[in-house]
């Protein structure tokens, strides 16, 4: 990583967070992984900074806000994926009744994504 000022690191971190969101929306996983790696390196460098200049506090607040937006995007997307998987995991054929009015469980297990027909 190239040496720079705290302000330059913060600006780059903000830009990476914005790029990260765009990569996630485009499902560009390779670019997302590279951006996340660089972001982690920047955070490691910034973790050793003890004081933040007054002019950088607003930038730090923007970074916090944008990072939370990304976290919300990831959390909401993960929830949507889980709901979708639960839907496809449910039984698609209801149980039926036999000739003597007893319940007969269907042999379909509901796994639409199992690869079997």
N, C-alpha and C. Protein backbone atom coordinates (compact mmCIF):
# COMPACT_ATOMS: atom_id res chain seq x y z
N UNK A 1 0.84 -1.17 0.00
CA UNK A 1 0.00 0.00 0.00
C UNK A 1 0.89 1.24 0.00
N UNK A 2 0.53 2.23 -0.76
CA UNK A 2 1.30 3.46 -0.88
C UNK A 2 1.04 4.32 0.37
N UNK A 3 2.12 4.88 0.91
CA UNK A 3 1.99 5.73 2.09
C UNK A 3 1.25 7.01 1.72
N UNK A 4 0.44 7.48 2.64
CA UNK A 4 -0.31 8.71 2.39
C UNK A 4 -0.75 9.31 3.70
N UNK A 5 -1.51 10.38 3.59
CA UNK A 5 -2.03 11.03 4.78
C UNK A 5 -3.30 10.34 5.23
N UNK A 6 -3.70 10.64 6.45
CA UNK A 6 -4.93 10.08 6.98
C UNK A 6 -6.11 10.48 6.10
N UNK A 7 -6.12 11.72 5.66
CA UNK A 7 -7.21 12.19 4.80
C UNK A 7 -7.27 11.38 3.50
N UNK A 8 -6.13 11.12 2.89
CA UNK A 8 -6.10 10.34 1.65
C UNK A 8 -6.61 8.93 1.89
N UNK A 9 -6.23 8.34 3.03
CA UNK A 9 -6.72 7.00 3.36
C UNK A 9 -8.23 7.00 3.54
N UNK A 10 -8.74 8.01 4.21
CA UNK A 10 -10.19 8.09 4.44
C UNK A 10 -10.96 8.28 3.13
N UNK A 11 -10.42 9.11 2.25
CA UNK A 11 -11.08 9.32 0.95
C UNK A 11 -11.09 8.01 0.15
N UNK A 12 -9.97 7.32 0.16
CA UNK A 12 -9.89 6.03 -0.56
C UNK A 12 -10.85 5.01 0.06
N UNK A 13 -10.96 4.99 1.39
CA UNK A 13 -11.87 4.07 2.06
C UNK A 13 -13.31 4.36 1.66
N UNK A 14 -13.68 5.65 1.63
CA UNK A 14 -15.03 6.01 1.20
C UNK A 14 -15.30 5.55 -0.23
N UNK A 15 -14.34 5.79 -1.11
CA UNK A 15 -14.49 5.38 -2.50
C UNK A 15 -14.61 3.86 -2.63
N UNK A 16 -13.83 3.14 -1.84
CA UNK A 16 -13.91 1.67 -1.87
C UNK A 16 -15.27 1.16 -1.40
N UNK A 17 -15.82 1.79 -0.38
CA UNK A 17 -17.13 1.38 0.12
C UNK A 17 -18.19 1.59 -0.95
N UNK A 18 -18.11 2.71 -1.66
CA UNK A 18 -19.07 2.98 -2.74
C UNK A 18 -18.88 1.99 -3.90
N UNK A 19 -17.61 1.70 -4.24
CA UNK A 19 -17.34 0.72 -5.30
C UNK A 19 -17.84 -0.66 -4.89
N UNK A 20 -17.63 -1.00 -3.63
CA UNK A 20 -18.05 -2.29 -3.11
C UNK A 20 -19.56 -2.49 -3.31
N UNK A 21 -20.34 -1.46 -3.03
CA UNK A 21 -21.79 -1.55 -3.21
C UNK A 21 -22.15 -1.77 -4.68
N UNK A 22 -21.49 -1.05 -5.56
CA UNK A 22 -21.77 -1.21 -6.98
C UNK A 22 -21.39 -2.61 -7.48
N UNK A 23 -20.26 -3.12 -7.02
CA UNK A 23 -19.85 -4.47 -7.40
C UNK A 23 -20.85 -5.50 -6.90
N UNK A 24 -21.35 -5.30 -5.68
CA UNK A 24 -22.33 -6.22 -5.12
C UNK A 24 -23.63 -6.17 -5.93
N UNK A 25 -24.05 -4.99 -6.32
CA UNK A 25 -25.29 -4.87 -7.11
C UNK A 25 -25.15 -5.51 -8.49
N UNK A 26 -23.93 -5.45 -9.05
CA UNK A 26 -23.68 -6.04 -10.37
C UNK A 26 -23.32 -7.51 -10.27
N UNK A 27 -23.20 -8.03 -9.03
CA UNK A 27 -22.79 -9.42 -8.77
C UNK A 27 -21.41 -9.72 -9.36
N UNK A 28 -20.53 -8.72 -9.35
CA UNK A 28 -19.15 -8.87 -9.81
C UNK A 28 -18.32 -9.30 -8.60
N UNK A 29 -18.29 -10.60 -8.35
CA UNK A 29 -17.69 -11.13 -7.13
C UNK A 29 -16.17 -10.97 -7.09
N UNK A 30 -15.51 -11.05 -8.22
CA UNK A 30 -14.05 -10.89 -8.24
C UNK A 30 -13.66 -9.47 -7.86
N UNK A 31 -14.33 -8.49 -8.45
CA UNK A 31 -14.03 -7.10 -8.12
C UNK A 31 -14.43 -6.78 -6.69
N UNK A 32 -15.54 -7.38 -6.24
CA UNK A 32 -15.99 -7.18 -4.86
C UNK A 32 -14.95 -7.71 -3.87
N UNK A 33 -14.41 -8.89 -4.15
CA UNK A 33 -13.40 -9.47 -3.27
C UNK A 33 -12.14 -8.61 -3.24
N UNK A 34 -11.73 -8.09 -4.39
CA UNK A 34 -10.54 -7.23 -4.45
C UNK A 34 -10.77 -5.93 -3.67
N UNK A 35 -11.95 -5.35 -3.81
CA UNK A 35 -12.27 -4.12 -3.08
C UNK A 35 -12.32 -4.38 -1.58
N UNK A 36 -12.87 -5.52 -1.19
CA UNK A 36 -12.92 -5.86 0.23
C UNK A 36 -11.52 -6.06 0.81
N UNK A 37 -10.66 -6.68 0.04
CA UNK A 37 -9.28 -6.89 0.49
C UNK A 37 -8.57 -5.55 0.70
N UNK A 38 -8.71 -4.66 -0.26
CA UNK A 38 -8.07 -3.34 -0.13
C UNK A 38 -8.68 -2.57 1.03
N UNK A 39 -9.99 -2.70 1.22
CA UNK A 39 -10.66 -2.03 2.33
C UNK A 39 -10.12 -2.54 3.67
N UNK A 40 -9.92 -3.84 3.79
CA UNK A 40 -9.37 -4.40 5.02
C UNK A 40 -7.96 -3.87 5.29
N UNK A 41 -7.15 -3.76 4.25
CA UNK A 41 -5.81 -3.23 4.41
C UNK A 41 -5.86 -1.77 4.88
N UNK A 42 -6.75 -0.99 4.30
CA UNK A 42 -6.89 0.41 4.71
C UNK A 42 -7.34 0.51 6.17
N UNK A 43 -8.25 -0.33 6.56
CA UNK A 43 -8.74 -0.32 7.93
C UNK A 43 -7.61 -0.67 8.90
N UNK A 44 -6.76 -1.61 8.51
CA UNK A 44 -5.61 -1.96 9.35
C UNK A 44 -4.67 -0.77 9.52
N UNK A 45 -4.45 -0.02 8.45
CA UNK A 45 -3.58 1.16 8.53
C UNK A 45 -4.25 2.22 9.40
N UNK A 46 -5.53 2.46 9.18
CA UNK A 46 -6.24 3.50 9.93
C UNK A 46 -6.43 3.13 11.40
N UNK A 47 -6.37 1.87 11.72
CA UNK A 47 -6.54 1.44 13.12
C UNK A 47 -5.40 1.95 13.99
N UNK A 48 -4.26 2.26 13.41
CA UNK A 48 -3.11 2.74 14.16
C UNK A 48 -3.11 4.26 14.33
N UNK A 49 -4.07 4.93 13.72
CA UNK A 49 -4.18 6.38 13.86
C UNK A 49 -4.91 6.69 15.17
N UNK A 50 -4.29 7.52 16.00
CA UNK A 50 -4.87 7.83 17.30
C UNK A 50 -5.82 9.02 17.26
N UNK A 51 -5.47 10.02 16.51
CA UNK A 51 -6.26 11.25 16.46
C UNK A 51 -6.80 11.47 15.05
N UNK A 52 -7.98 12.04 15.01
CA UNK A 52 -8.61 12.38 13.73
C UNK A 52 -8.75 13.89 13.67
N UNK A 53 -8.27 14.48 12.60
CA UNK A 53 -8.34 15.94 12.44
C UNK A 53 -9.80 16.37 12.34
N UNK A 54 -10.06 17.58 12.77
CA UNK A 54 -11.43 18.11 12.74
C UNK A 54 -12.03 18.07 11.35
N UNK A 55 -11.23 18.40 10.34
CA UNK A 55 -11.76 18.44 8.97
C UNK A 55 -12.08 17.04 8.44
N UNK A 56 -11.55 15.99 9.07
CA UNK A 56 -11.81 14.62 8.62
C UNK A 56 -12.99 13.97 9.34
N UNK A 57 -13.52 14.60 10.36
CA UNK A 57 -14.61 14.00 11.13
C UNK A 57 -15.88 13.85 10.29
N UNK A 58 -16.15 14.82 9.44
CA UNK A 58 -17.33 14.71 8.57
C UNK A 58 -17.14 13.58 7.56
N UNK A 59 -15.94 13.44 7.04
CA UNK A 59 -15.63 12.35 6.12
C UNK A 59 -15.78 11.00 6.82
N UNK A 60 -15.33 10.91 8.07
CA UNK A 60 -15.47 9.67 8.83
C UNK A 60 -16.95 9.34 9.06
N UNK A 61 -17.77 10.37 9.30
CA UNK A 61 -19.21 10.14 9.48
C UNK A 61 -19.83 9.64 8.18
N UNK A 62 -19.39 10.17 7.06
CA UNK A 62 -19.89 9.71 5.76
C UNK A 62 -19.50 8.26 5.53
N UNK A 63 -18.27 7.92 5.87
CA UNK A 63 -17.81 6.53 5.73
C UNK A 63 -18.66 5.60 6.58
N UNK A 64 -18.92 5.99 7.81
CA UNK A 64 -19.75 5.17 8.71
C UNK A 64 -21.16 4.97 8.10
N UNK A 65 -21.72 6.05 7.58
CA UNK A 65 -23.06 5.98 6.99
C UNK A 65 -23.08 5.07 5.76
N UNK A 66 -22.13 5.23 4.89
CA UNK A 66 -22.08 4.41 3.66
C UNK A 66 -21.81 2.94 3.98
N UNK A 67 -20.98 2.69 4.98
CA UNK A 67 -20.70 1.31 5.38
C UNK A 67 -21.95 0.66 5.95
N UNK A 68 -22.73 1.41 6.70
CA UNK A 68 -23.99 0.88 7.24
C UNK A 68 -25.00 0.62 6.12
N UNK A 69 -24.99 1.46 5.11
CA UNK A 69 -25.87 1.21 3.95
C UNK A 69 -25.51 -0.11 3.29
N UNK A 70 -24.20 -0.35 3.13
CA UNK A 70 -23.76 -1.62 2.54
C UNK A 70 -24.18 -2.79 3.42
N UNK A 71 -24.01 -2.64 4.73
CA UNK A 71 -24.39 -3.72 5.65
C UNK A 71 -25.89 -4.00 5.54
N UNK A 72 -26.70 -2.96 5.43
CA UNK A 72 -28.14 -3.16 5.28
C UNK A 72 -28.45 -3.88 3.96
N UNK A 73 -27.77 -3.49 2.90
CA UNK A 73 -27.97 -4.15 1.60
C UNK A 73 -27.65 -5.64 1.71
N UNK A 74 -26.52 -5.97 2.33
CA UNK A 74 -26.12 -7.37 2.46
C UNK A 74 -27.10 -8.14 3.34
N UNK A 75 -27.53 -7.53 4.44
CA UNK A 75 -28.46 -8.20 5.35
C UNK A 75 -29.81 -8.43 4.69
N UNK A 76 -30.32 -7.43 3.98
CA UNK A 76 -31.61 -7.57 3.31
C UNK A 76 -31.53 -8.62 2.20
N UNK A 77 -30.43 -8.64 1.47
CA UNK A 77 -30.26 -9.61 0.39
C UNK A 77 -30.16 -11.02 0.95
N UNK A 78 -29.43 -11.17 2.05
CA UNK A 78 -29.32 -12.49 2.67
C UNK A 78 -30.69 -12.97 3.16
N UNK A 79 -31.47 -12.07 3.73
CA UNK A 79 -32.82 -12.43 4.16
C UNK A 79 -33.69 -12.87 2.99
N UNK A 80 -33.57 -12.16 1.88
CA UNK A 80 -34.35 -12.52 0.70
C UNK A 80 -33.94 -13.89 0.18
N UNK A 81 -32.64 -14.17 0.18
CA UNK A 81 -32.14 -15.47 -0.28
C UNK A 81 -32.65 -16.58 0.64
N UNK A 82 -32.61 -16.34 1.94
CA UNK A 82 -33.11 -17.34 2.88
C UNK A 82 -34.59 -17.62 2.67
N UNK A 83 -35.38 -16.57 2.50
CA UNK A 83 -36.82 -16.76 2.25
C UNK A 83 -37.05 -17.55 0.97
N UNK A 84 -36.27 -17.25 -0.06
CA UNK A 84 -36.41 -17.97 -1.32
C UNK A 84 -36.06 -19.44 -1.16
N UNK A 85 -34.98 -19.73 -0.43
CA UNK A 85 -34.60 -21.12 -0.21
C UNK A 85 -35.64 -21.85 0.62
N UNK A 86 -36.22 -21.18 1.61
CA UNK A 86 -37.28 -21.80 2.40
C UNK A 86 -38.49 -22.11 1.52
N UNK A 87 -38.83 -21.19 0.63
CA UNK A 87 -39.96 -21.41 -0.26
C UNK A 87 -39.73 -22.64 -1.13
N UNK A 88 -38.54 -22.75 -1.71
CA UNK A 88 -38.26 -23.89 -2.57
C UNK A 88 -38.06 -25.18 -1.78
N UNK A 89 -37.82 -25.07 -0.49
CA UNK A 89 -37.65 -26.25 0.33
C UNK A 89 -38.96 -26.80 0.88
N UNK A 90 -40.03 -26.05 0.72
CA UNK A 90 -41.32 -26.51 1.25
C UNK A 90 -41.92 -27.57 0.36
N UNK A 91 -42.83 -28.32 0.94
CA UNK A 91 -43.56 -29.35 0.21
C UNK A 91 -44.42 -28.70 -0.87
N UNK A 92 -44.32 -29.22 -2.08
CA UNK A 92 -45.12 -28.65 -3.16
C UNK A 92 -46.40 -29.43 -3.40
N UNK A 93 -46.49 -30.63 -2.85
CA UNK A 93 -47.69 -31.45 -3.00
C UNK A 93 -48.24 -31.70 -1.60
N UNK A 94 -49.49 -31.34 -1.40
CA UNK A 94 -50.09 -31.51 -0.08
C UNK A 94 -50.40 -32.98 0.16
N UNK A 95 -50.52 -33.33 1.44
CA UNK A 95 -50.93 -34.69 1.78
C UNK A 95 -52.36 -34.90 1.30
N UNK A 96 -52.70 -36.14 1.02
CA UNK A 96 -54.05 -36.43 0.55
C UNK A 96 -54.68 -37.50 1.45
N UNK A 97 -55.92 -37.88 1.12
CA UNK A 97 -56.65 -38.86 1.92
C UNK A 97 -56.70 -40.19 1.19
N UNK A 98 -56.65 -41.26 1.99
CA UNK A 98 -56.77 -42.60 1.41
C UNK A 98 -58.25 -42.97 1.33
N UNK A 99 -58.54 -44.19 0.83
CA UNK A 99 -59.93 -44.64 0.68
C UNK A 99 -60.65 -44.71 2.01
N UNK A 100 -59.92 -44.98 3.10
CA UNK A 100 -60.57 -45.06 4.41
C UNK A 100 -60.48 -43.74 5.18
N UNK A 101 -60.26 -42.65 4.49
CA UNK A 101 -60.24 -41.29 5.03
C UNK A 101 -59.03 -41.02 5.91
N UNK A 102 -58.01 -41.83 5.80
CA UNK A 102 -56.76 -41.58 6.54
C UNK A 102 -55.84 -40.70 5.71
N UNK A 103 -54.95 -40.01 6.39
CA UNK A 103 -54.00 -39.14 5.68
C UNK A 103 -52.91 -39.98 5.02
N UNK A 104 -52.58 -39.63 3.80
CA UNK A 104 -51.51 -40.29 3.06
C UNK A 104 -50.47 -39.22 2.74
N UNK A 105 -49.28 -39.42 3.26
CA UNK A 105 -48.22 -38.46 2.97
C UNK A 105 -47.74 -38.65 1.55
N UNK A 106 -47.53 -37.55 0.89
CA UNK A 106 -47.04 -37.63 -0.48
C UNK A 106 -45.56 -37.99 -0.45
N UNK A 107 -45.07 -38.53 -1.55
CA UNK A 107 -43.68 -38.95 -1.63
C UNK A 107 -42.79 -37.81 -2.10
N UNK A 108 -43.37 -36.67 -2.46
CA UNK A 108 -42.59 -35.52 -2.91
C UNK A 108 -42.03 -34.83 -1.67
N UNK A 109 -40.74 -34.59 -1.64
CA UNK A 109 -40.16 -33.97 -0.47
C UNK A 109 -40.11 -32.43 -0.58
N UNK A 110 -40.51 -31.90 -1.72
CA UNK A 110 -40.57 -30.45 -1.87
C UNK A 110 -39.27 -29.80 -2.26
N UNK A 111 -38.26 -30.53 -2.46
CA UNK A 111 -36.97 -29.91 -2.82
C UNK A 111 -36.92 -29.67 -4.31
N UNK A 112 -37.40 -28.50 -4.71
CA UNK A 112 -37.41 -28.17 -6.13
C UNK A 112 -36.01 -28.00 -6.70
N UNK A 113 -35.07 -27.73 -5.83
CA UNK A 113 -33.70 -27.49 -6.30
C UNK A 113 -32.81 -28.73 -6.14
N UNK A 114 -33.42 -29.90 -5.94
CA UNK A 114 -32.63 -31.10 -5.69
C UNK A 114 -31.97 -31.64 -6.96
N UNK A 115 -32.46 -31.27 -8.13
CA UNK A 115 -31.90 -31.79 -9.36
C UNK A 115 -32.58 -33.05 -9.84
N UNK A 116 -33.51 -33.58 -9.06
CA UNK A 116 -34.25 -34.78 -9.45
C UNK A 116 -35.60 -34.37 -9.99
N UNK A 117 -36.11 -35.20 -10.88
CA UNK A 117 -37.42 -34.93 -11.46
C UNK A 117 -38.43 -35.86 -10.83
